[in-house]
Amino acid sequence: MLHAVAALASVTQPRLFRRQDMQVDVEVAGQLTRGMTVFDRRREMGAPANIEVCVDVDEQGVVDYLSKVLAGG
């Protein structure tokens, strides 16, 4: 359930999250990594970013947001 709260907070309280554009792909040919999602954080693949990834969160801010929502405010 907390993942759902974080997802909701990321949309309604975007200031609580730090995002980074990244190139993301699914590895389909690798012997050890087949089927894994690969995030190119260092931009070594040379492909343009195709997704925005939350890389940091103000945890206390999300807890405060949840408390406020549950209290009806």
PDB file of N, CA and C in Angstrom:
ATOM      1  N   MET A   1       0.810  -1.187   0.000  1.00  0.00           N
ATOM      2  CA  MET A   1       0.000   0.000   0.000  1.00  0.00           C
ATOM      3  C   MET A   1       0.862   1.263   0.000  1.00  0.00           C
ATOM      4  N   LEU A   2       1.987   1.233   0.688  1.00  0.00           N
ATOM      5  CA  LEU A   2       2.814   2.437   0.735  1.00  0.00           C
ATOM      6  C   LEU A   2       3.346   2.823  -0.637  1.00  0.00           C
ATOM      7  N   HIS A   3       3.531   1.836  -1.513  1.00  0.00           N
ATOM      8  CA  HIS A   3       3.962   2.176  -2.867  1.00  0.00           C
ATOM      9  C   HIS A   3       2.878   2.977  -3.579  1.00  0.00           C
ATOM     10  N   ALA A   4       1.618   2.632  -3.338  1.00  0.00           N
ATOM     11  CA  ALA A   4       0.508   3.375  -3.945  1.00  0.00           C
ATOM     12  C   ALA A   4       0.467   4.800  -3.405  1.00  0.00           C
ATOM     13  N   VAL A   5       0.734   4.965  -2.115  1.00  0.00           N
ATOM     14  CA  VAL A   5       0.768   6.305  -1.514  1.00  0.00           C
ATOM     15  C   VAL A   5       1.887   7.122  -2.151  1.00  0.00           C
ATOM     16  N   ALA A   6       3.041   6.512  -2.325  1.00  0.00           N
ATOM     17  CA  ALA A   6       4.165   7.219  -2.941  1.00  0.00           C
ATOM     18  C   ALA A   6       3.844   7.591  -4.386  1.00  0.00           C
ATOM     19  N   ALA A   7       3.189   6.700  -5.113  1.00  0.00           N
ATOM     20  CA  ALA A   7       2.811   7.002  -6.497  1.00  0.00           C
ATOM     21  C   ALA A   7       1.838   8.175  -6.543  1.00  0.00           C
ATOM     22  N   LEU A   8       0.848   8.166  -5.666  1.00  0.00           N
ATOM     23  CA  LEU A   8      -0.114   9.267  -5.605  1.00  0.00           C
ATOM     24  C   LEU A   8       0.591  10.570  -5.234  1.00  0.00           C
ATOM     25  N   ALA A   9       1.463  10.503  -4.243  1.00  0.00           N
ATOM     26  CA  ALA A   9       2.186  11.702  -3.806  1.00  0.00           C
ATOM     27  C   ALA A   9       3.088  12.239  -4.919  1.00  0.00           C
ATOM     28  N   SER A  10       3.658  11.355  -5.724  1.00  0.00           N
ATOM     29  CA  SER A  10       4.541  11.826  -6.802  1.00  0.00           C
ATOM     30  C   SER A  10       3.783  12.644  -7.839  1.00  0.00           C
ATOM     31  N   VAL A  11       2.476  12.388  -7.953  1.00  0.00           N
ATOM     32  CA  VAL A  11       1.653  13.143  -8.902  1.00  0.00           C
ATOM     33  C   VAL A  11       1.092  14.408  -8.256  1.00  0.00           C
ATOM     34  N   THR A  12       0.616  14.281  -7.019  1.00  0.00           N
ATOM     35  CA  THR A  12      -0.046  15.418  -6.369  1.00  0.00           C
ATOM     36  C   THR A  12       0.916  16.330  -5.623  1.00  0.00           C
ATOM     37  N   GLN A  13       2.083  15.816  -5.251  1.00  0.00           N
ATOM     38  CA  GLN A  13       3.090  16.593  -4.520  1.00  0.00           C
ATOM     39  C   GLN A  13       4.463  16.420  -5.184  1.00  0.00           C
ATOM     40  N   PRO A  14       4.611  16.831  -6.439  1.00  0.00           N
ATOM     41  CA  PRO A  14       5.858  16.572  -7.166  1.00  0.00           C
ATOM     42  C   PRO A  14       7.097  17.192  -6.526  1.00  0.00           C
ATOM     43  N   ARG A  15       6.923  18.223  -5.720  1.00  0.00           N
ATOM     44  CA  ARG A  15       8.076  18.869  -5.075  1.00  0.00           C
ATOM     45  C   ARG A  15       8.783  17.932  -4.095  1.00  0.00           C
ATOM     46  N   LEU A  16       8.121  16.850  -3.682  1.00  0.00           N
ATOM     47  CA  LEU A  16       8.703  15.904  -2.731  1.00  0.00           C
ATOM     48  C   LEU A  16       9.648  14.903  -3.401  1.00  0.00           C
ATOM     49  N   PHE A  17       9.735  14.951  -4.726  1.00  0.00           N
ATOM     50  CA  PHE A  17      10.503  13.956  -5.467  1.00  0.00           C
ATOM     51  C   PHE A  17      11.519  14.625  -6.377  1.00  0.00           C
ATOM     52  N   ARG A  18      12.673  13.964  -6.511  1.00  0.00           N
ATOM     53  CA  ARG A  18      13.683  14.404  -7.483  1.00  0.00           C
ATOM     54  C   ARG A  18      13.667  13.381  -8.612  1.00  0.00           C
ATOM     55  N   ARG A  19      13.548  13.881  -9.812  1.00  0.00           N
ATOM     56  CA  ARG A  19      13.440  13.011 -10.977  1.00  0.00           C
ATOM     57  C   ARG A  19      14.641  13.195 -11.899  1.00  0.00           C
ATOM     58  N   GLN A  20      14.881  12.173 -12.692  1.00  0.00           N
ATOM     59  CA  GLN A  20      15.974  12.232 -13.662  1.00  0.00           C
ATOM     60  C   GLN A  20      15.512  11.549 -14.948  1.00  0.00           C
ATOM     61  N   ASP A  21      15.763  12.196 -16.082  1.00  0.00           N
ATOM     62  CA  ASP A  21      15.472  11.576 -17.373  1.00  0.00           C
ATOM     63  C   ASP A  21      16.517  10.506 -17.648  1.00  0.00           C
ATOM     64  N   MET A  22      16.063   9.322 -18.082  1.00  0.00           N
ATOM     65  CA  MET A  22      16.978   8.214 -18.359  1.00  0.00           C
ATOM     66  C   MET A  22      16.526   7.438 -19.581  1.00  0.00           C
ATOM     67  N   GLN A  23      17.470   6.727 -20.156  1.00  0.00           N
ATOM     68  CA  GLN A  23      17.174   5.744 -21.194  1.00  0.00           C
ATOM     69  C   GLN A  23      16.930   4.421 -20.475  1.00  0.00           C
ATOM     70  N   VAL A  24      15.790   3.816 -20.731  1.00  0.00           N
ATOM     71  CA  VAL A  24      15.445   2.542 -20.105  1.00  0.00           C
ATOM     72  C   VAL A  24      15.080   1.556 -21.203  1.00  0.00           C
ATOM     73  N   ASP A  25      15.551   0.332 -21.053  1.00  0.00           N
ATOM     74  CA  ASP A  25      15.256  -0.712 -22.024  1.00  0.00           C
ATOM     75  C   ASP A  25      15.171  -2.045 -21.289  1.00  0.00           C
ATOM     76  N   VAL A  26      14.595  -3.033 -21.940  1.00  0.00           N
ATOM     77  CA  VAL A  26      14.533  -4.383 -21.385  1.00  0.00           C
ATOM     78  C   VAL A  26      15.554  -5.226 -22.127  1.00  0.00           C
ATOM     79  N   GLU A  27      16.439  -5.867 -21.378  1.00  0.00           N
ATOM     80  CA  GLU A  27      17.488  -6.709 -21.953  1.00  0.00           C
ATOM     81  C   GLU A  27      16.857  -8.017 -22.431  1.00  0.00           C
ATOM     82  N   VAL A  28      16.994  -8.299 -23.716  1.00  0.00           N
ATOM     83  CA  VAL A  28      16.391  -9.520 -24.251  1.00  0.00           C
ATOM     84  C   VAL A  28      17.423 -10.521 -24.762  1.00  0.00           C
ATOM     85  N   ALA A  29      18.678 -10.117 -24.852  1.00  0.00           N
ATOM     86  CA  ALA A  29      19.692 -11.001 -25.411  1.00  0.00           C
ATOM     87  C   ALA A  29      20.691 -11.510 -24.377  1.00  0.00           C
ATOM     88  N   GLY A  30      20.751 -10.883 -23.222  1.00  0.00           N
ATOM     89  CA  GLY A  30      21.758 -11.238 -22.228  1.00  0.00           C
ATOM     90  C   GLY A  30      21.567 -12.618 -21.627  1.00  0.00           C
ATOM     91  N   GLN A  31      22.658 -13.269 -21.334  1.00  0.00           N
ATOM     92  CA  GLN A  31      22.608 -14.594 -20.729  1.00  0.00           C
ATOM     93  C   GLN A  31      22.271 -14.501 -19.238  1.00  0.00           C
ATOM     94  N   LEU A  32      22.821 -13.498 -18.562  1.00  0.00           N
ATOM     95  CA  LEU A  32      22.588 -13.340 -17.129  1.00  0.00           C
ATOM     96  C   LEU A  32      21.511 -12.311 -16.817  1.00  0.00           C
ATOM     97  N   THR A  33      21.245 -11.424 -17.750  1.00  0.00           N
ATOM     98  CA  THR A  33      20.322 -10.325 -17.465  1.00  0.00           C
ATOM     99  C   THR A  33      19.055 -10.374 -18.308  1.00  0.00           C
ATOM    100  N   ARG A  34      18.795 -11.456 -18.973  1.00  0.00           N
ATOM    101  CA  ARG A  34      17.632 -11.557 -19.869  1.00  0.00           C
ATOM    102  C   ARG A  34      16.339 -11.226 -19.126  1.00  0.00           C
ATOM    103  N   GLY A  35      15.570 -10.302 -19.696  1.00  0.00           N
ATOM    104  CA  GLY A  35      14.295  -9.903 -19.111  1.00  0.00           C
ATOM    105  C   GLY A  35      14.401  -8.797 -18.078  1.00  0.00           C
ATOM    106  N   MET A  36      15.616  -8.379 -17.747  1.00  0.00           N
ATOM    107  CA  MET A  36      15.796  -7.319 -16.751  1.00  0.00           C
ATOM    108  C   MET A  36      15.639  -5.941 -17.386  1.00  0.00           C
ATOM    109  N   THR A  37      15.138  -5.019 -16.587  1.00  0.00           N
ATOM    110  CA  THR A  37      15.042  -3.628 -17.006  1.00  0.00           C
ATOM    111  C   THR A  37      16.386  -2.967 -16.744  1.00  0.00           C
ATOM    112  N   VAL A  38      16.930  -2.306 -17.760  1.00  0.00           N
ATOM    113  CA  VAL A  38      18.248  -1.680 -17.659  1.00  0.00           C
ATOM    114  C   VAL A  38      18.078  -0.164 -17.740  1.00  0.00           C
ATOM    115  N   PHE A  39      18.556   0.533 -16.713  1.00  0.00           N
ATOM    116  CA  PHE A  39      18.518   1.993 -16.647  1.00  0.00           C
ATOM    117  C   PHE A  39      19.906   2.521 -16.959  1.00  0.00           C
ATOM    118  N   ASP A  40      20.015   3.363 -17.976  1.00  0.00           N
ATOM    119  CA  ASP A  40      21.304   3.943 -18.359  1.00  0.00           C
ATOM    120  C   ASP A  40      21.498   5.271 -17.632  1.00  0.00           C
ATOM    121  N   ARG A  41      21.900   5.204 -16.362  1.00  0.00           N
ATOM    122  CA  ARG A  41      22.078   6.413 -15.548  1.00  0.00           C
ATOM    123  C   ARG A  41      23.278   7.232 -15.990  1.00  0.00           C
ATOM    124  N   ARG A  42      24.253   6.575 -16.608  1.00  0.00           N
ATOM    125  CA  ARG A  42      25.463   7.282 -17.046  1.00  0.00           C
ATOM    126  C   ARG A  42      25.397   7.688 -18.512  1.00  0.00           C
ATOM    127  N   ARG A  43      24.306   7.393 -19.166  1.00  0.00           N
ATOM    128  CA  ARG A  43      24.077   7.726 -20.581  1.00  0.00           C
ATOM    129  C   ARG A  43      25.163   7.152 -21.485  1.00  0.00           C
ATOM    130  N   GLU A  44      25.564   5.918 -21.202  1.00  0.00           N
ATOM    131  CA  GLU A  44      26.597   5.272 -22.001  1.00  0.00           C
ATOM    132  C   GLU A  44      26.045   4.627 -23.266  1.00  0.00           C
ATOM    133  N   MET A  45      24.745   4.364 -23.324  1.00  0.00           N
ATOM    134  CA  MET A  45      24.163   3.739 -24.511  1.00  0.00           C
ATOM    135  C   MET A  45      24.029   4.731 -25.657  1.00  0.00           C
ATOM    136  N   GLY A  46      24.081   6.025 -25.334  1.00  0.00           N
ATOM    137  CA  GLY A  46      23.996   7.045 -26.362  1.00  0.00           C
ATOM    138  C   GLY A  46      22.596   7.292 -26.905  1.00  0.00           C
ATOM    139  N   ALA A  47      21.615   6.603 -26.388  1.00  0.00           N
ATOM    140  CA  ALA A  47      20.233   6.784 -26.839  1.00  0.00           C
ATOM    141  C   ALA A  47      19.576   7.896 -26.025  1.00  0.00           C
ATOM    142  N   PRO A  48      18.599   8.564 -26.607  1.00  0.00           N
ATOM    143  CA  PRO A  48      17.911   9.629 -25.864  1.00  0.00           C
ATOM    144  C   PRO A  48      17.080   9.058 -24.715  1.00  0.00           C
ATOM    145  N   ALA A  49      16.892   9.863 -23.705  1.00  0.00           N
ATOM    146  CA  ALA A  49      16.073   9.450 -22.559  1.00  0.00           C
ATOM    147  C   ALA A  49      14.657   9.161 -23.040  1.00  0.00           C
ATOM    148  N   ASN A  50      14.049   8.120 -22.473  1.00  0.00           N
ATOM    149  CA  ASN A  50      12.688   7.772 -22.862  1.00  0.00           C
ATOM    150  C   ASN A  50      11.751   7.617 -21.663  1.00  0.00           C
ATOM    151  N   ILE A  51      12.247   7.973 -20.469  1.00  0.00           N
ATOM    152  CA  ILE A  51      11.420   7.862 -19.272  1.00  0.00           C
ATOM    153  C   ILE A  51      11.959   8.808 -18.194  1.00  0.00           C
ATOM    154  N   GLU A  52      11.074   9.251 -17.327  1.00  0.00           N
ATOM    155  CA  GLU A  52      11.457  10.073 -16.181  1.00  0.00           C
ATOM    156  C   GLU A  52      11.374   9.182 -14.939  1.00  0.00           C
ATOM    157  N   VAL A  53      12.475   9.073 -14.204  1.00  0.00           N
ATOM    158  CA  VAL A  53      12.567   8.164 -13.065  1.00  0.00           C
ATOM    159  C   VAL A  53      12.707   8.965 -11.776  1.00  0.00           C
ATOM    160  N   CYS A  54      11.932   8.606 -10.762  1.00  0.00           N
ATOM    161  CA  CYS A  54      12.101   9.215  -9.439  1.00  0.00           C
ATOM    162  C   CYS A  54      13.339   8.600  -8.807  1.00  0.00           C
ATOM    163  N   VAL A  55      14.312   9.438  -8.464  1.00  0.00           N
ATOM    164  CA  VAL A  55      15.570   8.940  -7.923  1.00  0.00           C
ATOM    165  C   VAL A  55      15.776   9.307  -6.459  1.00  0.00           C
ATOM    166  N   ASP A  56      14.910  10.164  -5.926  1.00  0.00           N
ATOM    167  CA  ASP A  56      15.023  10.539  -4.518  1.00  0.00           C
ATOM    168  C   ASP A  56      13.662  11.030  -4.046  1.00  0.00           C
ATOM    169  N   VAL A  57      13.423  10.883  -2.754  1.00  0.00           N
ATOM    170  CA  VAL A  57      12.134  11.283  -2.193  1.00  0.00           C
ATOM    171  C   VAL A  57      12.347  11.908  -0.822  1.00  0.00           C
ATOM    172  N   ASP A  58      11.553  12.904  -0.527  1.00  0.00           N
ATOM    173  CA  ASP A  58      11.501  13.483   0.814  1.00  0.00           C
ATOM    174  C   ASP A  58      10.563  12.589   1.622  1.00  0.00           C
ATOM    175  N   GLU A  59      11.127  11.580   2.288  1.00  0.00           N
ATOM    176  CA  GLU A  59      10.321  10.579   2.988  1.00  0.00           C
ATOM    177  C   GLU A  59       9.407  11.207   4.029  1.00  0.00           C
ATOM    178  N   GLN A  60       9.944  12.119   4.814  1.00  0.00           N
ATOM    179  CA  GLN A  60       9.124  12.759   5.844  1.00  0.00           C
ATOM    180  C   GLN A  60       8.009  13.572   5.203  1.00  0.00           C
ATOM    181  N   GLY A  61       8.293  14.182   4.078  1.00  0.00           N
ATOM    182  CA  GLY A  61       7.272  14.934   3.362  1.00  0.00           C
ATOM    183  C   GLY A  61       6.120  14.049   2.919  1.00  0.00           C
ATOM    184  N   VAL A  62       6.423  12.831   2.458  1.00  0.00           N
ATOM    185  CA  VAL A  62       5.373  11.890   2.051  1.00  0.00           C
ATOM    186  C   VAL A  62       4.574  11.434   3.268  1.00  0.00           C
ATOM    187  N   VAL A  63       5.249  11.166   4.381  1.00  0.00           N
ATOM    188  CA  VAL A  63       4.551  10.779   5.614  1.00  0.00           C
ATOM    189  C   VAL A  63       3.633  11.910   6.066  1.00  0.00           C
ATOM    190  N   ASP A  64       4.128  13.138   6.029  1.00  0.00           N
ATOM    191  CA  ASP A  64       3.304  14.293   6.413  1.00  0.00           C
ATOM    192  C   ASP A  64       2.102  14.439   5.484  1.00  0.00           C
ATOM    193  N   TYR A  65       2.320  14.239   4.193  1.00  0.00           N
ATOM    194  CA  TYR A  65       1.234  14.313   3.215  1.00  0.00           C
ATOM    195  C   TYR A  65       0.179  13.251   3.520  1.00  0.00           C
ATOM    196  N   LEU A  66       0.606  12.019   3.765  1.00  0.00           N
ATOM    197  CA  LEU A  66      -0.327  10.937   4.083  1.00  0.00           C
ATOM    198  C   LEU A  66      -1.109  11.250   5.346  1.00  0.00           C
ATOM    199  N   SER A  67      -0.426  11.738   6.372  1.00  0.00           N
ATOM    200  CA  SER A  67      -1.101  12.096   7.628  1.00  0.00           C
ATOM    201  C   SER A  67      -2.161  13.161   7.390  1.00  0.00           C
ATOM    202  N   LYS A  68      -1.821  14.144   6.572  1.00  0.00           N
ATOM    203  CA  LYS A  68      -2.765  15.224   6.269  1.00  0.00           C
ATOM    204  C   LYS A  68      -3.985  14.689   5.513  1.00  0.00           C
ATOM    205  N   VAL A  69      -3.758  13.824   4.540  1.00  0.00           N
ATOM    206  CA  VAL A  69      -4.863  13.247   3.767  1.00  0.00           C
ATOM    207  C   VAL A  69      -5.761  12.402   4.663  1.00  0.00           C
ATOM    208  N   LEU A  70      -5.163  11.572   5.507  1.00  0.00           N
ATOM    209  CA  LEU A  70      -5.956  10.705   6.390  1.00  0.00           C
ATOM    210  C   LEU A  70      -6.724  11.496   7.438  1.00  0.00           C
ATOM    211  N   ALA A  71      -6.196  12.661   7.809  1.00  0.00           N
ATOM    212  CA  ALA A  71      -6.874  13.507   8.795  1.00  0.00           C
ATOM    213  C   ALA A  71      -8.000  14.329   8.157  1.00  0.00           C
ATOM    214  N   GLY A  72      -8.121  14.220   6.833  1.00  0.00           N
ATOM    215  CA  GLY A  72      -9.190  14.934   6.150  1.00  0.00           C
ATOM    216  C   GLY A  72      -8.838  16.341   5.738  1.00  0.00           C
ATOM    217  N   GLY A  73      -7.556  16.655   5.773  1.00  0.00           N
ATOM    218  CA  GLY A  73      -7.155  18.026   5.427  1.00  0.00           C
ATOM    219  C   GLY A  73      -6.461  18.053   4.160  1.00  0.00           C
TER     220      GLY A  73
END
